Every structure is written in structure tokens, then in C-alpha cells.
Amino acid sequence: MPEGVTKIGDGAFWGYSRLTDIAIPSSVTEIGNYAFSECSGIGSITLSSSVTEIGDGAFWGCRNLNNITISADKIEKIGSHAFSECSGLRRIAIPTGVEEIEDHTFYGCESLKDITIPSGVTQIGEYTFYACRSLESITIPSSITQIGNYAFSWCDNLKDITIPEGVIRIGDSAFSWCAGLNEISLPSTITQIGNDAFNKCANLKDITIPSSVIEIGHGAFYGCGDIRIRFPEKMRDWNLSDFIDSDASYAFY
């Protein structure tokens, strides 16, 4: 690819499975939608500091991609599905400048163990880390205000997570089927916990619901075994069976 190219076009190399190595020139500022989708032979790739946009599905289905280096600190957009089903990807650092991690960005990255989310990101989209089954821990920066529906669903090995002050909403099924999750801390800013938000988190043993919460969705804590939940006194008259099952114990504070 010659120096001087500024954009790799939409679908430029889509499905070219024989592509194993590519040098992206420093002149490139944009990786188009689905540019390298289904390029199953690519093992690693480096994006230079000039890149400002990674399009939707840009590397979707690059199953042997195990390392990507993003030198850019000016990236404004990482598109939806950008790295979906990159099942060999083990770690990635999202560069500063990104404000939103879009829907399905890392969907099905089952080998992903380590990811850094920079301060400045305000929203984790729907299904962003769905079925990232090797992910053990993640640090959510204080700039985040919303965690989207199914954002971490089926992250089986996620063991503990701290949701920082500033988050106001945890979406539907955001942490459902996180069977390894045993500890989570909720901030005093949270107002909404979505339907099935922690459904089937069988190892989650203890959680305190902050008094800021005004809505807990149906089934939010179903299937959490013998979990103990502490509710604020204002919830004493709520119908708790809407979001906890008969095995759970609870108290008010």
C-alpha cells in the first residue's frame, strides 16, 4: 500500500483470507467500514498516529488477529462491530480521545483478557463486550455515565468490577450470565438497574443497592442463588419478587 493513501475504502479487503501481513502507511487517516472484515490470515496490525477513524466492522471476523497496536491519540470513532468476533485478540488499549465505545465493538472476542478504557469515554454501548469469555477484570473510568444493554453479558470469567461514581444507568442484562462475578460495587449516582441486569450471576453473594436508585428492572437479580441484598429503607414497600427470587435474602438499611 503506497504512502499518500489517506483512506482504506469500505470493504477494500473484505474476505481476503490469504492476506497475512499488511503495512498501513502513516498517511492513512481512516479505515473504512468492513475494510478488513473476514481477513482470517492477519495476525497483527499497527495503526499509526494519523488514524482518526476506524469504521464499522473494520476488522470483524479477523479470527487470527491476536495483537493490534493503535498508536493514534486522535481517534474520534471506533465503529460498531469494529473488532467483533476477533476470537484470537488477547489485549487492546483504547486510545485517549475516544468518547464512546459503540455497540458490538468487541462482541465475541473470546480470548480478550485485558482491555484499557481511557478516561473520557462516556458510554459503553450495547453488546460491547458480549461473550468476552476470558475477560477477568476491567477498570471503568469515572467519565462513564451509562453501561449499555448486554454490555458484559456472558463474560464468564469476570470476577470483580467497580462501577465508578457518575454512572447513572446499568442496562438490561448488562452483566447477565457472568457466572464468575463475585463482587460488584455500585455508585451513589446510579438511578436505574435494568431488566435482568445481573441475572444468573450465580457466584454474586452480596450487594448493596444505593438510595439513589429509583428503578430496578424485572429479574434484575434472578438466578443469583443465595445472594444477600441490602435495600434502602424507601424500598420496603416495593414488590421485591419482581427482581429477586426466593433463594435470595435481603435486609433494609
C-alpha atoms as a PDB file:
ATOM      1  CA  MET A   1       0.000   0.000   0.000  1.00  0.00           C
ATOM      2  CA  PRO A   2       1.711   3.214  -1.125  1.00  0.00           C
ATOM      3  CA  GLU A   3       2.444   6.241   1.024  1.00  0.00           C
ATOM      4  CA  GLY A   4      -0.023   9.010   0.257  1.00  0.00           C
ATOM      5  CA  VAL A   5      -3.168   6.900   0.614  1.00  0.00           C
ATOM      6  CA  THR A   6      -5.449   8.618   3.137  1.00  0.00           C
ATOM      7  CA  LYS A   7      -8.352   6.161   3.362  1.00  0.00           C
ATOM      8  CA  ILE A   8      -8.680   2.412   3.106  1.00  0.00           C
ATOM      9  CA  GLY A   9     -12.053   2.141   1.423  1.00  0.00           C
ATOM     10  CA  ASP A  10     -15.178   0.380   2.597  1.00  0.00           C
ATOM     11  CA  GLY A  11     -14.814  -3.372   2.098  1.00  0.00           C
ATOM     12  CA  ALA A  12     -11.409  -2.919   0.450  1.00  0.00           C
ATOM     13  CA  PHE A  13     -10.015  -6.299   1.564  1.00  0.00           C
ATOM     14  CA  TRP A  14     -13.211  -7.945   2.806  1.00  0.00           C
ATOM     15  CA  GLY A  15     -12.860 -11.725   2.867  1.00  0.00           C
ATOM     16  CA  TYR A  16      -9.296 -11.795   1.510  1.00  0.00           C
ATOM     17  CA  SER A  17      -8.220 -14.719   3.685  1.00  0.00           C
ATOM     18  CA  ARG A  18      -4.751 -15.003   2.118  1.00  0.00           C
ATOM     19  CA  LEU A  19      -3.773 -11.609   3.467  1.00  0.00           C
ATOM     20  CA  THR A  20      -1.371 -12.310   6.341  1.00  0.00           C
ATOM     21  CA  ASP A  21       0.582  -9.093   6.655  1.00  0.00           C
ATOM     22  CA  ILE A  22      -0.095  -5.502   5.733  1.00  0.00           C
ATOM     23  CA  ALA A  23       1.801  -2.274   6.230  1.00  0.00           C
ATOM     24  CA  ILE A  24      -0.555   0.656   6.628  1.00  0.00           C
ATOM     25  CA  PRO A  25       1.212   3.886   5.641  1.00  0.00           C
ATOM     26  CA  SER A  26       1.351   6.828   8.005  1.00  0.00           C
ATOM     27  CA  SER A  27      -0.706   8.915   5.569  1.00  0.00           C
ATOM     28  CA  VAL A  28      -3.864   6.867   6.287  1.00  0.00           C
ATOM     29  CA  THR A  29      -6.387   8.705   8.462  1.00  0.00           C
ATOM     30  CA  GLU A  30      -9.440   6.481   8.032  1.00  0.00           C
ATOM     31  CA  ILE A  31     -10.047   2.738   7.980  1.00  0.00           C
ATOM     32  CA  GLY A  32     -13.321   2.258   6.094  1.00  0.00           C
ATOM     33  CA  ASN A  33     -16.316   0.159   7.045  1.00  0.00           C
ATOM     34  CA  TYR A  34     -15.554  -3.580   6.787  1.00  0.00           C
ATOM     35  CA  ALA A  35     -12.178  -2.770   5.239  1.00  0.00           C
ATOM     36  CA  PHE A  36     -10.501  -5.923   6.591  1.00  0.00           C
ATOM     37  CA  SER A  37     -13.567  -7.909   7.612  1.00  0.00           C
ATOM     38  CA  GLU A  38     -13.083 -11.707   7.457  1.00  0.00           C
ATOM     39  CA  CYS A  39      -9.357 -11.388   6.692  1.00  0.00           C
ATOM     40  CA  SER A  40      -8.727 -14.502   8.746  1.00  0.00           C
ATOM     41  CA  GLY A  41      -4.999 -14.685   7.966  1.00  0.00           C
ATOM     42  CA  ILE A  42      -3.965 -11.388   9.601  1.00  0.00           C
ATOM     43  CA  GLY A  43      -2.098 -11.975  12.881  1.00  0.00           C
ATOM     44  CA  SER A  44      -1.127  -8.454  13.893  1.00  0.00           C
ATOM     45  CA  ILE A  45      -1.598  -4.914  12.728  1.00  0.00           C
ATOM     46  CA  THR A  46      -0.285  -1.474  13.647  1.00  0.00           C
ATOM     47  CA  LEU A  47      -2.215   1.738  13.132  1.00  0.00           C
ATOM     48  CA  SER A  48      -0.209   4.934  13.011  1.00  0.00           C
ATOM     49  CA  SER A  49      -0.792   8.141  14.942  1.00  0.00           C
ATOM     50  CA  SER A  50      -2.528   9.735  11.947  1.00  0.00           C
ATOM     51  CA  VAL A  51      -5.595   7.459  12.081  1.00  0.00           C
ATOM     52  CA  THR A  52      -8.711   9.277  13.323  1.00  0.00           C
ATOM     53  CA  GLU A  53     -11.466   6.798  12.460  1.00  0.00           C
ATOM     54  CA  ILE A  54     -11.910   3.032  12.486  1.00  0.00           C
ATOM     55  CA  GLY A  55     -15.085   2.207  10.595  1.00  0.00           C
ATOM     56  CA  ASP A  56     -17.946  -0.126  11.392  1.00  0.00           C
ATOM     57  CA  GLY A  57     -16.891  -3.772  11.163  1.00  0.00           C
ATOM     58  CA  ALA A  58     -13.388  -2.761  10.067  1.00  0.00           C
ATOM     59  CA  PHE A  59     -11.772  -5.941  11.460  1.00  0.00           C
ATOM     60  CA  TRP A  60     -14.897  -8.028  12.046  1.00  0.00           C
ATOM     61  CA  GLY A  61     -14.147 -11.746  11.955  1.00  0.00           C
ATOM     62  CA  CYS A  62     -10.344 -11.474  11.784  1.00  0.00           C
ATOM     63  CA  ARG A  63     -10.117 -14.624  13.879  1.00  0.00           C
ATOM     64  CA  ASN A  64      -6.327 -14.910  13.939  1.00  0.00           C
ATOM     65  CA  LEU A  65      -5.717 -11.275  14.830  1.00  0.00           C
ATOM     66  CA  ASN A  66      -4.046 -11.555  18.229  1.00  0.00           C
ATOM     67  CA  ASN A  67      -2.380  -8.177  18.528  1.00  0.00           C
ATOM     68  CA  ILE A  68      -3.284  -4.701  17.414  1.00  0.00           C
ATOM     69  CA  THR A  69      -1.265  -1.618  18.214  1.00  0.00           C
ATOM     70  CA  ILE A  70      -3.055   1.699  17.969  1.00  0.00           C
ATOM     71  CA  SER A  71      -0.509   4.495  18.172  1.00  0.00           C
ATOM     72  CA  ALA A  72      -3.075   7.156  17.421  1.00  0.00           C
ATOM     73  CA  ASP A  73      -4.192   9.506  20.159  1.00  0.00           C
ATOM     74  CA  LYS A  74      -6.547  11.406  17.862  1.00  0.00           C
ATOM     75  CA  ILE A  75      -9.061   8.649  17.163  1.00  0.00           C
ATOM     76  CA  GLU A  76     -12.549  10.094  17.243  1.00  0.00           C
ATOM     77  CA  LYS A  77     -14.501   6.970  16.357  1.00  0.00           C
ATOM     78  CA  ILE A  78     -14.209   3.225  16.728  1.00  0.00           C
ATOM     79  CA  GLY A  79     -17.235   1.931  14.862  1.00  0.00           C
ATOM     80  CA  SER A  80     -19.770  -0.678  15.842  1.00  0.00           C
ATOM     81  CA  HIS A  81     -18.616  -4.266  15.290  1.00  0.00           C
ATOM     82  CA  ALA A  82     -15.101  -2.924  14.618  1.00  0.00           C
ATOM     83  CA  PHE A  83     -13.456  -5.947  16.284  1.00  0.00           C
ATOM     84  CA  SER A  84     -16.435  -8.304  16.599  1.00  0.00           C
ATOM     85  CA  GLU A  85     -15.513 -12.000  16.605  1.00  0.00           C
ATOM     86  CA  CYS A  86     -11.780 -11.373  16.602  1.00  0.00           C
ATOM     87  CA  SER A  87     -11.582 -14.540  18.649  1.00  0.00           C
ATOM     88  CA  GLY A  88      -7.772 -14.547  18.881  1.00  0.00           C
ATOM     89  CA  LEU A  89      -7.430 -10.968  20.161  1.00  0.00           C
ATOM     90  CA  ARG A  90      -5.935 -11.052  23.669  1.00  0.00           C
ATOM     91  CA  ARG A  91      -5.484  -7.416  24.619  1.00  0.00           C
ATOM     92  CA  ILE A  92      -6.055  -3.917  23.337  1.00  0.00           C
ATOM     93  CA  ALA A  93      -5.624  -0.403  24.673  1.00  0.00           C
ATOM     94  CA  ILE A  94      -8.291   2.001  23.518  1.00  0.00           C
ATOM     95  CA  PRO A  95      -6.597   5.319  22.785  1.00  0.00           C
ATOM     96  CA  THR A  96      -7.400   8.569  24.506  1.00  0.00           C
ATOM     97  CA  GLY A  97      -9.782  10.769  22.565  1.00  0.00           C
ATOM     98  CA  VAL A  98     -12.434   8.082  22.115  1.00  0.00           C
ATOM     99  CA  GLU A  99     -15.648   9.189  23.834  1.00  0.00           C
ATOM    100  CA  GLU A 100     -17.963   6.273  23.115  1.00  0.00           C
ATOM    101  CA  ILE A 101     -17.360   2.563  22.697  1.00  0.00           C
ATOM    102  CA  GLU A 102     -20.071   1.697  20.231  1.00  0.00           C
ATOM    103  CA  ASP A 103     -22.426  -1.270  20.092  1.00  0.00           C
ATOM    104  CA  HIS A 104     -20.889  -4.718  19.496  1.00  0.00           C
ATOM    105  CA  THR A 105     -17.341  -3.323  19.216  1.00  0.00           C
ATOM    106  CA  PHE A 106     -15.676  -6.336  20.889  1.00  0.00           C
ATOM    107  CA  TYR A 107     -18.582  -8.775  20.607  1.00  0.00           C
ATOM    108  CA  GLY A 108     -17.394 -12.386  20.789  1.00  0.00           C
ATOM    109  CA  CYS A 109     -13.703 -11.619  21.403  1.00  0.00           C
ATOM    110  CA  GLU A 110     -13.469 -14.778  23.465  1.00  0.00           C
ATOM    111  CA  SER A 111      -9.689 -14.607  24.094  1.00  0.00           C
ATOM    112  CA  LEU A 112      -9.669 -10.972  25.245  1.00  0.00           C
ATOM    113  CA  LYS A 113      -8.160 -10.863  28.737  1.00  0.00           C
ATOM    114  CA  ASP A 114      -7.053  -7.292  29.139  1.00  0.00           C
ATOM    115  CA  ILE A 115      -8.512  -4.034  27.934  1.00  0.00           C
ATOM    116  CA  THR A 116      -7.871  -0.461  28.951  1.00  0.00           C
ATOM    117  CA  ILE A 117     -10.701   2.051  28.683  1.00  0.00           C
ATOM    118  CA  PRO A 118      -9.351   5.598  28.817  1.00  0.00           C
ATOM    119  CA  SER A 119     -10.749   8.450  30.819  1.00  0.00           C
ATOM    120  CA  GLY A 120     -13.007  10.462  28.547  1.00  0.00           C
ATOM    121  CA  VAL A 121     -15.167   7.572  27.365  1.00  0.00           C
ATOM    122  CA  THR A 122     -18.712   8.394  28.471  1.00  0.00           C
ATOM    123  CA  GLN A 123     -20.684   5.384  27.303  1.00  0.00           C
ATOM    124  CA  ILE A 124     -20.199   1.653  26.853  1.00  0.00           C
ATOM    125  CA  GLY A 125     -22.591   0.593  24.113  1.00  0.00           C
ATOM    126  CA  GLU A 126     -24.902  -2.384  23.773  1.00  0.00           C
ATOM    127  CA  TYR A 127     -23.252  -5.819  23.482  1.00  0.00           C
ATOM    128  CA  THR A 128     -19.833  -4.130  23.523  1.00  0.00           C
ATOM    129  CA  PHE A 129     -18.052  -6.928  25.407  1.00  0.00           C
ATOM    130  CA  TYR A 130     -20.678  -9.638  24.974  1.00  0.00           C
ATOM    131  CA  ALA A 131     -19.194 -13.144  25.312  1.00  0.00           C
ATOM    132  CA  CYS A 132     -15.659 -11.915  26.007  1.00  0.00           C
ATOM    133  CA  ARG A 133     -15.327 -15.124  27.962  1.00  0.00           C
ATOM    134  CA  SER A 134     -11.672 -14.724  29.009  1.00  0.00           C
ATOM    135  CA  LEU A 135     -12.064 -11.210  30.418  1.00  0.00           C
ATOM    136  CA  GLU A 136     -11.209 -11.344  34.129  1.00  0.00           C
ATOM    137  CA  SER A 137     -11.255  -7.715  35.195  1.00  0.00           C
ATOM    138  CA  ILE A 138     -11.840  -4.307  33.735  1.00  0.00           C
ATOM    139  CA  THR A 139     -11.412  -0.795  35.029  1.00  0.00           C
ATOM    140  CA  ILE A 140     -14.272   1.510  34.159  1.00  0.00           C
ATOM    141  CA  PRO A 141     -13.220   5.177  34.216  1.00  0.00           C
ATOM    142  CA  SER A 142     -15.143   7.803  36.144  1.00  0.00           C
ATOM    143  CA  SER A 143     -16.175   9.510  32.896  1.00  0.00           C
ATOM    144  CA  ILE A 144     -18.642   6.691  32.115  1.00  0.00           C
ATOM    145  CA  THR A 145     -22.319   7.537  32.653  1.00  0.00           C
ATOM    146  CA  GLN A 146     -24.068   4.556  31.043  1.00  0.00           C
ATOM    147  CA  ILE A 147     -23.404   0.851  30.612  1.00  0.00           C
ATOM    148  CA  GLY A 148     -25.449  -0.435  27.693  1.00  0.00           C
ATOM    149  CA  ASN A 149     -27.750  -3.423  27.378  1.00  0.00           C
ATOM    150  CA  TYR A 150     -25.861  -6.752  27.362  1.00  0.00           C
ATOM    151  CA  ALA A 151     -22.559  -4.860  27.560  1.00  0.00           C
ATOM    152  CA  PHE A 152     -20.780  -7.578  29.598  1.00  0.00           C
ATOM    153  CA  SER A 153     -23.250 -10.444  29.262  1.00  0.00           C
ATOM    154  CA  TRP A 154     -21.655 -13.923  29.167  1.00  0.00           C
ATOM    155  CA  CYS A 155     -18.282 -12.686  30.403  1.00  0.00           C
ATOM    156  CA  ASP A 156     -17.910 -15.930  32.353  1.00  0.00           C
ATOM    157  CA  ASN A 157     -14.525 -15.169  33.917  1.00  0.00           C
ATOM    158  CA  LEU A 158     -15.209 -11.610  35.025  1.00  0.00           C
ATOM    159  CA  LYS A 159     -14.664 -11.824  38.771  1.00  0.00           C
ATOM    160  CA  ASP A 160     -14.966  -8.344  40.189  1.00  0.00           C
ATOM    161  CA  ILE A 161     -15.841  -4.924  38.942  1.00  0.00           C
ATOM    162  CA  THR A 162     -16.163  -1.469  40.416  1.00  0.00           C
ATOM    163  CA  ILE A 163     -18.688   0.800  38.793  1.00  0.00           C
ATOM    164  CA  PRO A 164     -17.499   4.355  39.419  1.00  0.00           C
ATOM    165  CA  GLU A 165     -19.334   7.390  40.679  1.00  0.00           C
ATOM    166  CA  GLY A 166     -21.014   9.100  37.742  1.00  0.00           C
ATOM    167  CA  VAL A 167     -22.691   6.027  36.251  1.00  0.00           C
ATOM    168  CA  ILE A 168     -26.452   6.572  36.274  1.00  0.00           C
ATOM    169  CA  ARG A 169     -27.719   3.538  34.362  1.00  0.00           C
ATOM    170  CA  ILE A 170     -26.881  -0.148  34.085  1.00  0.00           C
ATOM    171  CA  GLY A 171     -28.688  -1.511  31.043  1.00  0.00           C
ATOM    172  CA  ASP A 172     -30.820  -4.597  30.556  1.00  0.00           C
ATOM    173  CA  SER A 173     -28.820  -7.834  31.005  1.00  0.00           C
ATOM    174  CA  ALA A 174     -25.626  -5.781  31.256  1.00  0.00           C
ATOM    175  CA  PHE A 175     -23.941  -8.425  33.451  1.00  0.00           C
ATOM    176  CA  SER A 176     -26.262 -11.391  32.920  1.00  0.00           C
ATOM    177  CA  TRP A 177     -24.653 -14.851  32.939  1.00  0.00           C
ATOM    178  CA  CYS A 178     -21.404 -13.532  34.420  1.00  0.00           C
ATOM    179  CA  ALA A 179     -21.076 -16.760  36.391  1.00  0.00           C
ATOM    180  CA  GLY A 180     -17.684 -15.882  37.882  1.00  0.00           C
ATOM    181  CA  LEU A 181     -18.686 -12.457  39.192  1.00  0.00           C
ATOM    182  CA  ASN A 182     -18.409 -12.483  42.978  1.00  0.00           C
ATOM    183  CA  GLU A 183     -18.079  -8.823  43.849  1.00  0.00           C
ATOM    184  CA  ILE A 184     -19.501  -5.610  42.492  1.00  0.00           C
ATOM    185  CA  SER A 185     -19.736  -2.131  43.934  1.00  0.00           C
ATOM    186  CA  LEU A 186     -22.499   0.233  42.853  1.00  0.00           C
ATOM    187  CA  PRO A 187     -22.054   4.028  42.991  1.00  0.00           C
ATOM    188  CA  SER A 188     -24.248   6.532  44.789  1.00  0.00           C
ATOM    189  CA  THR A 189     -25.098   8.161  41.437  1.00  0.00           C
ATOM    190  CA  ILE A 190     -26.929   5.206  39.943  1.00  0.00           C
ATOM    191  CA  THR A 191     -30.662   5.623  39.350  1.00  0.00           C
ATOM    192  CA  GLN A 192     -31.614   2.707  37.112  1.00  0.00           C
ATOM    193  CA  ILE A 193     -30.762  -1.005  37.122  1.00  0.00           C
ATOM    194  CA  GLY A 194     -32.205  -2.633  34.012  1.00  0.00           C
ATOM    195  CA  ASN A 195     -34.185  -5.807  33.438  1.00  0.00           C
ATOM    196  CA  ASP A 196     -32.109  -8.952  34.118  1.00  0.00           C
ATOM    197  CA  ALA A 197     -29.071  -6.760  34.776  1.00  0.00           C
ATOM    198  CA  PHE A 198     -27.381  -9.391  36.992  1.00  0.00           C
ATOM    199  CA  ASN A 199     -29.476 -12.412  36.053  1.00  0.00           C
ATOM    200  CA  LYS A 200     -27.669 -15.756  36.556  1.00  0.00           C
ATOM    201  CA  CYS A 201     -24.680 -14.245  38.362  1.00  0.00           C
ATOM    202  CA  ALA A 202     -24.604 -17.396  40.478  1.00  0.00           C
ATOM    203  CA  ASN A 203     -21.490 -16.501  42.495  1.00  0.00           C
ATOM    204  CA  LEU A 204     -22.518 -12.963  43.388  1.00  0.00           C
ATOM    205  CA  LYS A 205     -23.033 -13.167  47.148  1.00  0.00           C
ATOM    206  CA  ASP A 206     -23.529  -9.664  48.428  1.00  0.00           C
ATOM    207  CA  ILE A 207     -24.649  -6.323  47.025  1.00  0.00           C
ATOM    208  CA  THR A 208     -25.904  -3.031  48.415  1.00  0.00           C
ATOM    209  CA  ILE A 209     -28.439  -1.015  46.435  1.00  0.00           C
ATOM    210  CA  PRO A 210     -27.733   2.720  46.796  1.00  0.00           C
ATOM    211  CA  SER A 211     -30.539   5.020  47.904  1.00  0.00           C
ATOM    212  CA  SER A 212     -30.210   6.923  44.615  1.00  0.00           C
ATOM    213  CA  VAL A 213     -31.860   4.027  42.731  1.00  0.00           C
ATOM    214  CA  ILE A 214     -35.408   4.774  41.590  1.00  0.00           C
ATOM    215  CA  GLU A 215     -35.942   1.792  39.285  1.00  0.00           C
ATOM    216  CA  ILE A 216     -34.918  -1.872  39.345  1.00  0.00           C
ATOM    217  CA  GLY A 217     -35.985  -3.876  36.305  1.00  0.00           C
ATOM    218  CA  HIS A 218     -37.749  -7.215  36.241  1.00  0.00           C
ATOM    219  CA  GLY A 219     -35.496 -10.173  37.040  1.00  0.00           C
ATOM    220  CA  ALA A 220     -32.507  -7.967  37.823  1.00  0.00           C
ATOM    221  CA  PHE A 221     -31.174 -10.453  40.403  1.00  0.00           C
ATOM    222  CA  TYR A 222     -32.946 -13.662  39.397  1.00  0.00           C
ATOM    223  CA  GLY A 223     -30.759 -16.759  39.417  1.00  0.00           C
ATOM    224  CA  CYS A 224     -28.205 -15.314  41.830  1.00  0.00           C
ATOM    225  CA  GLY A 225     -28.559 -18.216  44.272  1.00  0.00           C
ATOM    226  CA  ASP A 226     -28.247 -17.288  47.938  1.00  0.00           C
ATOM    227  CA  ILE A 227     -27.242 -13.688  47.317  1.00  0.00           C
ATOM    228  CA  ARG A 228     -27.789 -11.227  50.161  1.00  0.00           C
ATOM    229  CA  ILE A 229     -29.066  -7.820  49.063  1.00  0.00           C
ATOM    230  CA  ARG A 230     -29.285  -4.682  51.163  1.00  0.00           C
ATOM    231  CA  PHE A 231     -32.004  -2.279  50.095  1.00  0.00           C
ATOM    232  CA  PRO A 232     -32.565   1.298  51.273  1.00  0.00           C
ATOM    233  CA  GLU A 233     -35.481   1.767  53.651  1.00  0.00           C
ATOM    234  CA  LYS A 234     -37.514   3.584  50.985  1.00  0.00           C
ATOM    235  CA  MET A 235     -37.839   0.273  49.081  1.00  0.00           C
ATOM    236  CA  ARG A 236     -39.560  -1.566  51.941  1.00  0.00           C
ATOM    237  CA  ASP A 237     -42.927  -1.266  50.169  1.00  0.00           C
ATOM    238  CA  TRP A 238     -41.616  -2.325  46.758  1.00  0.00           C
ATOM    239  CA  ASN A 239     -42.596  -5.695  45.303  1.00  0.00           C
ATOM    240  CA  LEU A 240     -39.188  -7.304  45.691  1.00  0.00           C
ATOM    241  CA  SER A 241     -40.255 -10.514  43.957  1.00  0.00           C
ATOM    242  CA  ASP A 242     -40.171  -8.591  40.689  1.00  0.00           C
ATOM    243  CA  PHE A 243     -36.383  -8.608  40.762  1.00  0.00           C
ATOM    244  CA  ILE A 244     -35.165 -11.183  43.328  1.00  0.00           C
ATOM    245  CA  ASP A 245     -36.120 -14.850  43.628  1.00  0.00           C
ATOM    246  CA  SER A 246     -36.977 -16.978  46.621  1.00  0.00           C
ATOM    247  CA  ASP A 247     -33.396 -18.124  47.347  1.00  0.00           C
ATOM    248  CA  ALA A 248     -32.181 -14.586  47.962  1.00  0.00           C
ATOM    249  CA  SER A 249     -32.063 -12.974  51.381  1.00  0.00           C
ATOM    250  CA  TYR A 250     -32.416  -9.270  51.979  1.00  0.00           C
ATOM    251  CA  ALA A 251     -32.351  -6.555  54.583  1.00  0.00           C
ATOM    252  CA  PHE A 252     -33.074  -2.835  54.732  1.00  0.00           C
ATOM    253  CA  TYR A 253     -30.803  -0.055  55.880  1.00  0.00           C
END
